[in-house]
C-alpha atoms as a PDB file:
ATOM      1  CA  MET A   1      77.957 131.658 117.480  1.00  0.00           C
ATOM      2  CA  GLY A   2      76.609 132.246 113.984  1.00  0.00           C
ATOM      3  CA  PHE A   3      73.507 130.579 112.532  1.00  0.00           C
ATOM      4  CA  ILE A   4      75.469 127.996 110.521  1.00  0.00           C
ATOM      5  CA  GLN A   5      77.578 127.164 113.573  1.00  0.00           C
ATOM      6  CA  LYS A   6      74.419 126.651 115.665  1.00  0.00           C
ATOM      7  CA  VAL A   7      72.939 124.302 113.058  1.00  0.00           C
ATOM      8  CA  PHE A   8      76.070 122.147 113.061  1.00  0.00           C
ATOM      9  CA  ALA A   9      76.254 122.248 116.878  1.00  0.00           C
ATOM     10  CA  ALA A  10      72.743 120.794 117.020  1.00  0.00           C
ATOM     11  CA  LEU A  11      73.664 117.978 114.613  1.00  0.00           C
ATOM     12  CA  LEU A  12      77.174 116.999 115.710  1.00  0.00           C
ATOM     13  CA  SER A  13      78.721 115.653 118.884  1.00  0.00           C
ATOM     14  CA  GLU A  14      80.701 117.970 121.165  1.00  0.00           C
ATOM     15  CA  LYS A  15      83.944 116.300 120.069  1.00  0.00           C
ATOM     16  CA  GLN A  16      83.168 116.838 116.368  1.00  0.00           C
ATOM     17  CA  MET A  17      82.095 120.417 117.014  1.00  0.00           C
ATOM     18  CA  GLU A  18      85.303 121.146 118.927  1.00  0.00           C
ATOM     19  CA  ALA A  19      87.398 119.775 116.038  1.00  0.00           C
ATOM     20  CA  MET A  20      85.427 121.938 113.600  1.00  0.00           C
ATOM     21  CA  ARG A  21      85.875 125.029 115.781  1.00  0.00           C
ATOM     22  CA  THR A  22      89.621 124.446 116.165  1.00  0.00           C
ATOM     23  CA  ASP A  23      90.118 124.003 112.420  1.00  0.00           C
ATOM     24  CA  SER A  24      87.947 127.034 111.585  1.00  0.00           C
ATOM     25  CA  GLU A  25      89.870 129.229 114.040  1.00  0.00           C
ATOM     26  CA  ASP A  26      93.093 128.367 112.175  1.00  0.00           C
ATOM     27  CA  TRP A  27      91.685 129.784 108.910  1.00  0.00           C
ATOM     28  CA  MET A  28      92.009 133.566 108.627  1.00  0.00           C
ATOM     29  CA  VAL A  29      90.667 136.111 106.150  1.00  0.00           C
ATOM     30  CA  GLN A  30      92.875 139.114 105.474  1.00  0.00           C
ATOM     31  CA  CYS A  31      91.923 142.514 104.075  1.00  0.00           C
ATOM     32  CA  PRO A  32      94.363 144.430 101.844  1.00  0.00           C
ATOM     33  CA  CYS A  33      94.568 147.006 104.694  1.00  0.00           C
ATOM     34  CA  GLY A  34      96.109 144.305 106.906  1.00  0.00           C
ATOM     35  CA  GLY A  35      93.045 143.643 109.072  1.00  0.00           C
ATOM     36  CA  GLU A  36      92.301 139.985 109.651  1.00  0.00           C
ATOM     37  CA  ILE A  37      89.860 137.765 111.493  1.00  0.00           C
ATOM     38  CA  SER A  38      89.298 134.025 111.787  1.00  0.00           C
ATOM     39  CA  ILE A  39      86.549 132.289 109.862  1.00  0.00           C
ATOM     40  CA  TRP A  40      85.092 131.141 113.190  1.00  0.00           C
ATOM     41  CA  GLU A  41      84.884 134.710 114.521  1.00  0.00           C
ATOM     42  CA  LEU A  42      83.011 135.693 111.358  1.00  0.00           C
ATOM     43  CA  GLY A  43      80.413 133.034 112.162  1.00  0.00           C
ATOM     44  CA  GLY A  44      81.580 130.639 109.483  1.00  0.00           C
ATOM     45  CA  ILE A  45      83.010 127.151 109.266  1.00  0.00           C
ATOM     46  CA  ARG A  46      85.999 125.980 107.244  1.00  0.00           C
ATOM     47  CA  TYR A  47      86.689 122.391 108.242  1.00  0.00           C
ATOM     48  CA  LYS A  48      89.216 120.050 106.621  1.00  0.00           C
ATOM     49  CA  ALA A  49      89.679 122.575 103.836  1.00  0.00           C
ATOM     50  CA  LYS A  50      92.774 122.570 101.636  1.00  0.00           C
ATOM     51  CA  SER A  51      92.489 125.377  99.085  1.00  0.00           C
ATOM     52  CA  ILE A  52      94.605 128.442  99.701  1.00  0.00           C
ATOM     53  CA  GLY A  53      94.214 131.727  97.879  1.00  0.00           C
ATOM     54  CA  LYS A  54      90.428 131.700  97.947  1.00  0.00           C
ATOM     55  CA  ARG A  55      88.904 135.181  98.256  1.00  0.00           C
ATOM     56  CA  SER A  56      85.593 136.520  99.549  1.00  0.00           C
ATOM     57  CA  LEU A  57      84.045 139.950  99.252  1.00  0.00           C
ATOM     58  CA  ILE A  58      83.337 141.012 102.855  1.00  0.00           C
ATOM     59  CA  ARG A  59      83.364 144.164 104.962  1.00  0.00           C
ATOM     60  CA  CYS A  60      86.598 144.643 106.899  1.00  0.00           C
ATOM     61  CA  GLN A  61      86.168 145.096 110.631  1.00  0.00           C
ATOM     62  CA  LYS A  62      89.301 147.252 110.738  1.00  0.00           C
ATOM     63  CA  CYS A  63      88.860 149.734 107.849  1.00  0.00           C
ATOM     64  CA  GLY A  64      85.107 149.292 107.275  1.00  0.00           C
ATOM     65  CA  LYS A  65      85.485 148.885 103.493  1.00  0.00           C
ATOM     66  CA  ARG A  66      83.995 146.022 101.482  1.00  0.00           C
ATOM     67  CA  THR A  67      87.007 144.404  99.831  1.00  0.00           C
ATOM     68  CA  TRP A  68      88.229 141.048  98.594  1.00  0.00           C
ATOM     69  CA  HIS A  69      89.708 139.261 101.592  1.00  0.00           C
ATOM     70  CA  ARG A  70      92.184 136.435 101.067  1.00  0.00           C
ATOM     71  CA  TYR A  71      91.994 133.155 103.021  1.00  0.00           C
ATOM     72  CA  TYR A  72      95.041 131.534 104.604  1.00  0.00           C
ATOM     73  CA  ARG A  73      95.904 129.104 107.388  1.00  0.00           C
ATOM     74  CA  LYS A  74      97.397 130.806 110.416  1.00  0.00           C
ATOM     75  CA  SER A  75      99.476 127.684 111.153  1.00  0.00           C
ATOM     76  CA  GLU A  76     101.083 127.942 107.674  1.00  0.00           C
ATOM     77  CA  GLY A  77     101.966 131.634 107.918  1.00  0.00           C
ATOM     78  CA  GLN A  78     100.773 134.736 106.080  1.00  0.00           C
ATOM     79  CA  PRO A  79     100.182 134.522 102.339  1.00  0.00           C
ATOM     80  CA  SER A  80     102.571 136.156  99.915  1.00  0.00           C
ATOM     81  CA  THR A  81     101.159 138.903  97.724  1.00  0.00           C
END
């Protein structure tokens, strides 16, 4: 669990934290190389978010390069390019 996740875990009930974890696990970040990981696995939180197409500059765990990763909801399918 990342630092931010620990802070929220200390402040919220178990039920609220579980809802936050479930929602955050549904949000993925995808590298142009095809590597992807959930926001939760990265140590982040994305709860009740709506925007799609957001991008973050992070290091890919698959290719090791720092690239702009695109956000998408796993439950809504992969983003189009």
